[in-house]
Structures are given as C-alpha cells and as structure tokens.
Amino acid sequence: MSESFTVLTVCTGNLHRSALAADLLATWARWYLPGGLYSTVVVGSAGTRAPIGAPMGRETRLFASGLGADDRGHRARLLADTLITDADLVLAASRAHRDEIVTRVPRAMRRTFSIREAGRIAALVPVRPAASVSDLVAVVGLWADGRAEAAAVDRGDDDIIDPQGRGAEAADEMVRQEVPPLVAMAVALWGMPRADADAYLKAAANPPALR
C-alpha cells in the first residue's frame, strides 16, 4: 500500500493555471483532511514548457491569496515523466495537456484528467469520506470508472484559458473556469463542507473582488 497520495497539476508555463490549482488543493487538504491523513498528501505542479524557477504570475498570486491559499513560495518547474509516474492523480489544464501526459506515460491514463473533466465527474460520484491513502486512491478509481458516464451527461469544455500575456480579463476567466471544478474535487477528496464550497463558488464568480 502506498504511504502517500500525490497530486500533480500541469499546464504550460506552471505560472498560472497549475500553480493556482496546486496551491488551492494543498491548502484545502490541510484545512479539511484529518491531520494524520493530511500528512500523507503531496500536492505539486509542473509545466510542459516552464521557465524553470520563475514565480507565480502576479495576478494569479493575488487570486490565490484572495481565496485563502497558502503562500508556498512557488517556483516553476518542468514536467518530467517521473513526476507523472509517481502521481496518484494528474490534473491537466487542457485536453492537449492531458493527451501529452498520457502519450508520455500511457499507464497514467486512468489517473489523468483535465481539471474541468475531473470536476464534472466528481460532482456525479457520491462522496465517500476518506480515512486513508487507499480511500483517496479509490476515489480516483471511481472517477476513472465514471468518465464515460460524465461525458454522456455533459462533455463540456475541458480547457482552461491561459492568461499569460493576455491581461486581466483572461485572468478573471481562468478563475471562473478553474475554481469550480477544484471545489468539486475538494468536496469529493478532502471532505470540504458544502457551505464552504458554496462560498468558494460565489467568490470565483466575481474574480475582480479577489484582488
């Protein structure tokens, strides 16, 4: 049995989408999981073309802070196959990122999703409170089993806009697209209470206020 549960978020530059996702998921895991289980959770991020060592984008850092995320001193890192292999859950910012991940490490297919895809699936799968690493791994397995059913109900858009160099409106749209599926996953994986989930959804609907 694995002694840890590792989440890897992936985008292009590891400056915005994957960085924000990792900060939020790590923060929520600390807040909502029992201490003994939280200590086994590892959340990281990487980019397919990351400028290694670069900090999180300024706008994205403001959003992360506005949503209560921990300041983890983010520095961009390049995606390596070993990161994919070691992860129990891989979350991609777009369908193209997901496809690249699975092409590089085919055996990661069942545990690799786009962020928005995983959010749609998580909203359909009954929540089972996790008490162990194996419980968390089992949730990911349920998501893999539910992929086709979720697609049949609502295939949706798998891509989150990349705000790099595109201004405040694109950054706002990133938050609107990314935070709701992350919340759905936090409810399913970490046991985020419904009232807190609703508060995050309300906040994500008005990104300028988070600045």
C-alpha atoms as a PDB file:
ATOM      1  CA  MET A   1       0.000   0.000   0.000  1.00  0.00           C
ATOM      2  CA  SER A   2       1.258   3.448  -0.882  1.00  0.00           C
ATOM      3  CA  GLU A   3       2.310   5.612   2.051  1.00  0.00           C
ATOM      4  CA  SER A   4       1.347   8.863   0.342  1.00  0.00           C
ATOM      5  CA  PHE A   5      -1.222  10.314  -2.025  1.00  0.00           C
ATOM      6  CA  THR A   6       0.365  12.564  -4.637  1.00  0.00           C
ATOM      7  CA  VAL A   7      -1.481  15.092  -6.793  1.00  0.00           C
ATOM      8  CA  LEU A   8       0.235  16.707  -9.785  1.00  0.00           C
ATOM      9  CA  THR A   9      -1.266  19.669 -11.645  1.00  0.00           C
ATOM     10  CA  VAL A  10       0.036  20.504 -15.125  1.00  0.00           C
ATOM     11  CA  CYS A  11      -0.192  23.414 -17.546  1.00  0.00           C
ATOM     12  CA  THR A  12       2.234  25.052 -19.981  1.00  0.00           C
ATOM     13  CA  GLY A  13       4.312  27.534 -18.012  1.00  0.00           C
ATOM     14  CA  ASN A  14       3.470  26.461 -14.443  1.00  0.00           C
ATOM     15  CA  LEU A  15       2.906  30.137 -13.661  1.00  0.00           C
ATOM     16  CA  HIS A  16      -0.874  30.406 -13.513  1.00  0.00           C
ATOM     17  CA  ARG A  17      -3.298  27.512 -14.007  1.00  0.00           C
ATOM     18  CA  SER A  18      -1.375  24.616 -12.487  1.00  0.00           C
ATOM     19  CA  ALA A  19       0.225  26.838  -9.850  1.00  0.00           C
ATOM     20  CA  LEU A  20      -3.138  28.132  -8.626  1.00  0.00           C
ATOM     21  CA  ALA A  21      -4.654  24.640  -8.670  1.00  0.00           C
ATOM     22  CA  ALA A  22      -1.820  23.173  -6.624  1.00  0.00           C
ATOM     23  CA  ASP A  23      -1.907  25.976  -4.051  1.00  0.00           C
ATOM     24  CA  LEU A  24      -5.654  25.678  -3.556  1.00  0.00           C
ATOM     25  CA  LEU A  25      -5.713  21.874  -3.381  1.00  0.00           C
ATOM     26  CA  ALA A  26      -2.803  21.818  -0.931  1.00  0.00           C
ATOM     27  CA  THR A  27      -4.408  24.459   1.270  1.00  0.00           C
ATOM     28  CA  TRP A  28      -7.775  22.724   1.302  1.00  0.00           C
ATOM     29  CA  ALA A  29      -6.193  19.359   2.074  1.00  0.00           C
ATOM     30  CA  ARG A  30      -4.570  20.932   5.148  1.00  0.00           C
ATOM     31  CA  TRP A  31      -7.825  22.510   6.258  1.00  0.00           C
ATOM     32  CA  TYR A  32     -10.246  19.655   5.717  1.00  0.00           C
ATOM     33  CA  LEU A  33      -8.444  16.321   5.974  1.00  0.00           C
ATOM     34  CA  PRO A  34      -7.706  14.712   9.350  1.00  0.00           C
ATOM     35  CA  GLY A  35      -4.175  15.568  10.402  1.00  0.00           C
ATOM     36  CA  GLY A  36      -2.875  12.042  10.061  1.00  0.00           C
ATOM     37  CA  LEU A  37      -4.179  11.739   6.529  1.00  0.00           C
ATOM     38  CA  TYR A  38      -3.154  15.252   5.506  1.00  0.00           C
ATOM     39  CA  SER A  39       0.439  14.440   6.406  1.00  0.00           C
ATOM     40  CA  THR A  40       0.440  11.784   3.657  1.00  0.00           C
ATOM     41  CA  VAL A  41      -0.801  14.138   0.910  1.00  0.00           C
ATOM     42  CA  VAL A  42       1.674  15.723  -1.512  1.00  0.00           C
ATOM     43  CA  VAL A  43       0.467  18.350  -3.995  1.00  0.00           C
ATOM     44  CA  GLY A  44       2.797  19.684  -6.685  1.00  0.00           C
ATOM     45  CA  SER A  45       2.705  21.245 -10.118  1.00  0.00           C
ATOM     46  CA  ALA A  46       4.747  21.459 -13.306  1.00  0.00           C
ATOM     47  CA  GLY A  47       4.662  22.899 -16.809  1.00  0.00           C
ATOM     48  CA  THR A  48       5.313  21.350 -20.197  1.00  0.00           C
ATOM     49  CA  ARG A  49       7.340  24.433 -21.184  1.00  0.00           C
ATOM     50  CA  ALA A  50       8.000  26.020 -17.814  1.00  0.00           C
ATOM     51  CA  PRO A  51      10.534  28.808 -17.290  1.00  0.00           C
ATOM     52  CA  ILE A  52      12.292  26.955 -14.505  1.00  0.00           C
ATOM     53  CA  GLY A  53      12.416  28.856 -11.229  1.00  0.00           C
ATOM     54  CA  ALA A  54      10.008  31.634 -12.235  1.00  0.00           C
ATOM     55  CA  PRO A  55       7.493  32.766  -9.577  1.00  0.00           C
ATOM     56  CA  MET A  56       3.731  32.537  -9.850  1.00  0.00           C
ATOM     57  CA  GLY A  57       2.220  35.252 -12.033  1.00  0.00           C
ATOM     58  CA  ARG A  58       1.299  38.421 -10.144  1.00  0.00           C
ATOM     59  CA  GLU A  59      -2.441  38.299 -10.930  1.00  0.00           C
ATOM     60  CA  THR A  60      -2.600  34.608 -10.103  1.00  0.00           C
ATOM     61  CA  ARG A  61      -0.814  35.183  -6.806  1.00  0.00           C
ATOM     62  CA  LEU A  62      -3.444  37.789  -5.899  1.00  0.00           C
ATOM     63  CA  PHE A  63      -6.209  35.327  -6.691  1.00  0.00           C
ATOM     64  CA  ALA A  64      -4.545  32.612  -4.640  1.00  0.00           C
ATOM     65  CA  SER A  65      -4.230  34.961  -1.678  1.00  0.00           C
ATOM     66  CA  GLY A  66      -7.810  36.171  -2.092  1.00  0.00           C
ATOM     67  CA  LEU A  67      -9.013  32.583  -1.943  1.00  0.00           C
ATOM     68  CA  GLY A  68      -7.015  31.906   1.216  1.00  0.00           C
ATOM     69  CA  ALA A  69      -4.305  29.711  -0.317  1.00  0.00           C
ATOM     70  CA  ASP A  70      -1.027  29.208   1.496  1.00  0.00           C
ATOM     71  CA  ASP A  71       1.962  31.102   0.124  1.00  0.00           C
ATOM     72  CA  ARG A  72       4.239  28.191  -0.720  1.00  0.00           C
ATOM     73  CA  GLY A  73       6.923  30.247  -2.460  1.00  0.00           C
ATOM     74  CA  HIS A  74       6.017  28.750  -5.837  1.00  0.00           C
ATOM     75  CA  ARG A  75       8.741  28.313  -8.427  1.00  0.00           C
ATOM     76  CA  ALA A  76       8.006  26.914 -11.872  1.00  0.00           C
ATOM     77  CA  ARG A  77       9.389  23.506 -12.747  1.00  0.00           C
ATOM     78  CA  LEU A  78       9.473  21.494 -15.943  1.00  0.00           C
ATOM     79  CA  LEU A  79       7.271  18.441 -16.297  1.00  0.00           C
ATOM     80  CA  ALA A  80       9.240  15.199 -16.102  1.00  0.00           C
ATOM     81  CA  ASP A  81       7.954  11.695 -16.768  1.00  0.00           C
ATOM     82  CA  THR A  82       8.930  10.666 -13.247  1.00  0.00           C
ATOM     83  CA  LEU A  83       6.520  13.244 -11.819  1.00  0.00           C
ATOM     84  CA  ILE A  84       3.703  11.687 -13.815  1.00  0.00           C
ATOM     85  CA  THR A  85       4.702   8.154 -12.860  1.00  0.00           C
ATOM     86  CA  ASP A  86       4.821   8.998  -9.155  1.00  0.00           C
ATOM     87  CA  ALA A  87       1.441  10.791  -9.055  1.00  0.00           C
ATOM     88  CA  ASP A  88      -1.789   9.149  -7.896  1.00  0.00           C
ATOM     89  CA  LEU A  89      -3.834  11.899  -9.571  1.00  0.00           C
ATOM     90  CA  VAL A  90      -2.723  14.062 -12.505  1.00  0.00           C
ATOM     91  CA  LEU A  91      -4.804  17.139 -13.339  1.00  0.00           C
ATOM     92  CA  ALA A  92      -4.215  18.942 -16.633  1.00  0.00           C
ATOM     93  CA  ALA A  93      -5.222  22.470 -17.576  1.00  0.00           C
ATOM     94  CA  SER A  94      -6.435  21.427 -21.028  1.00  0.00           C
ATOM     95  CA  ARG A  95      -7.250  18.415 -23.150  1.00  0.00           C
ATOM     96  CA  ALA A  96      -3.980  18.916 -25.054  1.00  0.00           C
ATOM     97  CA  HIS A  97      -2.009  18.765 -21.797  1.00  0.00           C
ATOM     98  CA  ARG A  98      -3.888  15.641 -20.745  1.00  0.00           C
ATOM     99  CA  ASP A  99      -3.151  13.985 -24.084  1.00  0.00           C
ATOM    100  CA  GLU A 100       0.540  14.860 -23.861  1.00  0.00           C
ATOM    101  CA  ILE A 101       0.747  13.401 -20.360  1.00  0.00           C
ATOM    102  CA  VAL A 102      -0.872  10.128 -21.410  1.00  0.00           C
ATOM    103  CA  THR A 103       1.294   9.937 -24.543  1.00  0.00           C
ATOM    104  CA  ARG A 104       4.409  10.313 -22.416  1.00  0.00           C
ATOM    105  CA  VAL A 105       3.278   7.844 -19.731  1.00  0.00           C
ATOM    106  CA  PRO A 106       0.467   5.657 -21.137  1.00  0.00           C
ATOM    107  CA  ARG A 107      -0.063   3.761 -17.879  1.00  0.00           C
ATOM    108  CA  ALA A 108      -1.134   7.044 -16.252  1.00  0.00           C
ATOM    109  CA  MET A 109      -4.314   7.170 -18.339  1.00  0.00           C
ATOM    110  CA  ARG A 110      -6.751   6.122 -15.597  1.00  0.00           C
ATOM    111  CA  ARG A 111      -5.423   8.668 -13.133  1.00  0.00           C
ATOM    112  CA  THR A 112      -5.068  11.584 -15.560  1.00  0.00           C
ATOM    113  CA  PHE A 113      -7.890  14.064 -16.161  1.00  0.00           C
ATOM    114  CA  SER A 114      -8.318  17.614 -17.246  1.00  0.00           C
ATOM    115  CA  ILE A 115      -9.226  19.794 -14.271  1.00  0.00           C
ATOM    116  CA  ARG A 116     -12.668  20.578 -15.675  1.00  0.00           C
ATOM    117  CA  GLU A 117     -13.300  16.947 -16.604  1.00  0.00           C
ATOM    118  CA  ALA A 118     -12.420  15.763 -13.094  1.00  0.00           C
ATOM    119  CA  GLY A 119     -14.698  18.408 -11.624  1.00  0.00           C
ATOM    120  CA  ARG A 120     -17.645  17.216 -13.716  1.00  0.00           C
ATOM    121  CA  ILE A 121     -17.028  13.615 -12.713  1.00  0.00           C
ATOM    122  CA  ALA A 122     -16.510  14.432  -9.038  1.00  0.00           C
ATOM    123  CA  ALA A 123     -19.887  16.182  -8.956  1.00  0.00           C
ATOM    124  CA  LEU A 124     -21.594  12.979 -10.158  1.00  0.00           C
ATOM    125  CA  VAL A 125     -19.819  10.427  -7.955  1.00  0.00           C
ATOM    126  CA  PRO A 126     -21.200  10.000  -4.398  1.00  0.00           C
ATOM    127  CA  VAL A 127     -18.872  11.443  -1.773  1.00  0.00           C
ATOM    128  CA  ARG A 128     -17.168   8.858   0.432  1.00  0.00           C
ATOM    129  CA  PRO A 129     -15.234  10.388   3.362  1.00  0.00           C
ATOM    130  CA  ALA A 130     -11.596   9.377   3.144  1.00  0.00           C
ATOM    131  CA  ALA A 131      -9.838   7.906   6.157  1.00  0.00           C
ATOM    132  CA  SER A 132      -6.724   6.542   4.444  1.00  0.00           C
ATOM    133  CA  VAL A 133      -4.497   6.852   1.394  1.00  0.00           C
ATOM    134  CA  SER A 134      -6.199   3.820  -0.094  1.00  0.00           C
ATOM    135  CA  ASP A 135      -9.543   5.623   0.229  1.00  0.00           C
ATOM    136  CA  LEU A 136      -8.180   8.569  -1.763  1.00  0.00           C
ATOM    137  CA  VAL A 137      -6.777   6.260  -4.425  1.00  0.00           C
ATOM    138  CA  ALA A 138     -10.167   4.535  -4.583  1.00  0.00           C
ATOM    139  CA  VAL A 139     -11.889   7.863  -5.288  1.00  0.00           C
ATOM    140  CA  VAL A 140      -9.621   8.399  -8.297  1.00  0.00           C
ATOM    141  CA  GLY A 141     -10.545   4.902  -9.477  1.00  0.00           C
ATOM    142  CA  LEU A 142     -14.238   5.784  -9.204  1.00  0.00           C
ATOM    143  CA  TRP A 143     -13.606   8.892 -11.283  1.00  0.00           C
ATOM    144  CA  ALA A 144     -11.901   6.807 -13.962  1.00  0.00           C
ATOM    145  CA  ASP A 145     -14.832   4.403 -13.989  1.00  0.00           C
ATOM    146  CA  GLY A 146     -17.262   7.329 -14.249  1.00  0.00           C
ATOM    147  CA  ARG A 147     -15.529   9.108 -17.120  1.00  0.00           C
ATOM    148  CA  ALA A 148     -17.818   7.802 -19.849  1.00  0.00           C
ATOM    149  CA  GLU A 149     -20.967   8.450 -17.817  1.00  0.00           C
ATOM    150  CA  ALA A 150     -19.941  12.038 -17.117  1.00  0.00           C
ATOM    151  CA  ALA A 151     -19.162  12.627 -20.787  1.00  0.00           C
ATOM    152  CA  ALA A 152     -22.578  11.298 -21.760  1.00  0.00           C
ATOM    153  CA  VAL A 153     -24.288  13.692 -19.351  1.00  0.00           C
ATOM    154  CA  ASP A 154     -22.222  16.761 -20.228  1.00  0.00           C
ATOM    155  CA  ARG A 155     -18.974  16.603 -22.152  1.00  0.00           C
ATOM    156  CA  GLY A 156     -18.360  20.296 -21.519  1.00  0.00           C
ATOM    157  CA  ASP A 157     -15.207  22.223 -22.305  1.00  0.00           C
ATOM    158  CA  ASP A 158     -12.035  20.658 -20.963  1.00  0.00           C
ATOM    159  CA  ASP A 159      -9.773  23.672 -21.465  1.00  0.00           C
ATOM    160  CA  ILE A 160      -8.944  26.444 -19.006  1.00  0.00           C
ATOM    161  CA  ILE A 161      -7.823  29.697 -20.602  1.00  0.00           C
ATOM    162  CA  ASP A 162      -4.125  30.517 -20.329  1.00  0.00           C
ATOM    163  CA  PRO A 163      -3.906  34.114 -19.044  1.00  0.00           C
ATOM    164  CA  GLN A 164      -0.200  34.525 -19.784  1.00  0.00           C
ATOM    165  CA  GLY A 165       0.245  37.875 -21.559  1.00  0.00           C
ATOM    166  CA  ARG A 166      -3.489  38.296 -22.101  1.00  0.00           C
ATOM    167  CA  GLY A 167      -4.498  40.798 -19.429  1.00  0.00           C
ATOM    168  CA  ALA A 168      -6.908  40.979 -16.525  1.00  0.00           C
ATOM    169  CA  GLU A 169      -9.995  39.716 -18.359  1.00  0.00           C
ATOM    170  CA  ALA A 170      -8.274  36.448 -19.259  1.00  0.00           C
ATOM    171  CA  ALA A 171      -7.024  36.079 -15.690  1.00  0.00           C
ATOM    172  CA  ASP A 172     -10.564  36.581 -14.411  1.00  0.00           C
ATOM    173  CA  GLU A 173     -11.874  33.966 -16.819  1.00  0.00           C
ATOM    174  CA  MET A 174      -9.220  31.498 -15.665  1.00  0.00           C
ATOM    175  CA  VAL A 175     -10.595  31.762 -12.128  1.00  0.00           C
ATOM    176  CA  ARG A 176     -14.193  31.317 -13.287  1.00  0.00           C
ATOM    177  CA  GLN A 177     -13.243  28.207 -15.254  1.00  0.00           C
ATOM    178  CA  GLU A 178     -10.789  26.633 -12.808  1.00  0.00           C
ATOM    179  CA  VAL A 179     -12.012  27.179  -9.275  1.00  0.00           C
ATOM    180  CA  PRO A 180     -15.449  25.473  -9.518  1.00  0.00           C
ATOM    181  CA  PRO A 181     -14.043  22.092 -10.639  1.00  0.00           C
ATOM    182  CA  LEU A 182     -11.325  22.324  -7.993  1.00  0.00           C
ATOM    183  CA  VAL A 183     -14.024  22.902  -5.399  1.00  0.00           C
ATOM    184  CA  ALA A 184     -15.934  19.828  -6.616  1.00  0.00           C
ATOM    185  CA  MET A 185     -12.766  17.768  -6.264  1.00  0.00           C
ATOM    186  CA  ALA A 186     -12.066  19.155  -2.789  1.00  0.00           C
ATOM    187  CA  VAL A 187     -15.549  18.136  -1.679  1.00  0.00           C
ATOM    188  CA  ALA A 188     -15.017  14.617  -3.006  1.00  0.00           C
ATOM    189  CA  LEU A 189     -11.398  14.095  -1.953  1.00  0.00           C
ATOM    190  CA  TRP A 190     -10.830  16.273   1.091  1.00  0.00           C
ATOM    191  CA  GLY A 191     -14.355  16.479   2.508  1.00  0.00           C
ATOM    192  CA  MET A 192     -14.792  20.236   2.054  1.00  0.00           C
ATOM    193  CA  PRO A 193     -18.135  21.155   3.695  1.00  0.00           C
ATOM    194  CA  ARG A 194     -20.932  22.208   1.389  1.00  0.00           C
ATOM    195  CA  ALA A 195     -21.208  25.669   2.967  1.00  0.00           C
ATOM    196  CA  ASP A 196     -17.518  26.342   2.313  1.00  0.00           C
ATOM    197  CA  ALA A 197     -17.852  25.014  -1.234  1.00  0.00           C
ATOM    198  CA  ASP A 198     -20.722  27.395  -1.903  1.00  0.00           C
ATOM    199  CA  ALA A 199     -18.677  30.304  -0.542  1.00  0.00           C
ATOM    200  CA  TYR A 200     -15.776  29.481  -2.872  1.00  0.00           C
ATOM    201  CA  LEU A 201     -18.112  29.186  -5.850  1.00  0.00           C
ATOM    202  CA  LYS A 202     -19.572  32.599  -5.037  1.00  0.00           C
ATOM    203  CA  ALA A 203     -16.091  34.105  -4.760  1.00  0.00           C
ATOM    204  CA  ALA A 204     -14.959  32.546  -8.030  1.00  0.00           C
ATOM    205  CA  ALA A 205     -17.915  34.078  -9.844  1.00  0.00           C
ATOM    206  CA  ASN A 206     -16.521  37.558  -9.107  1.00  0.00           C
ATOM    207  CA  PRO A 207     -12.731  37.390  -9.603  1.00  0.00           C
ATOM    208  CA  PRO A 208     -12.089  41.172  -9.534  1.00  0.00           C
ATOM    209  CA  ALA A 209     -13.195  41.243  -5.894  1.00  0.00           C
ATOM    210  CA  LEU A 210     -10.427  38.752  -5.042  1.00  0.00           C
ATOM    211  CA  ARG A 211      -7.764  41.290  -5.959  1.00  0.00           C
END
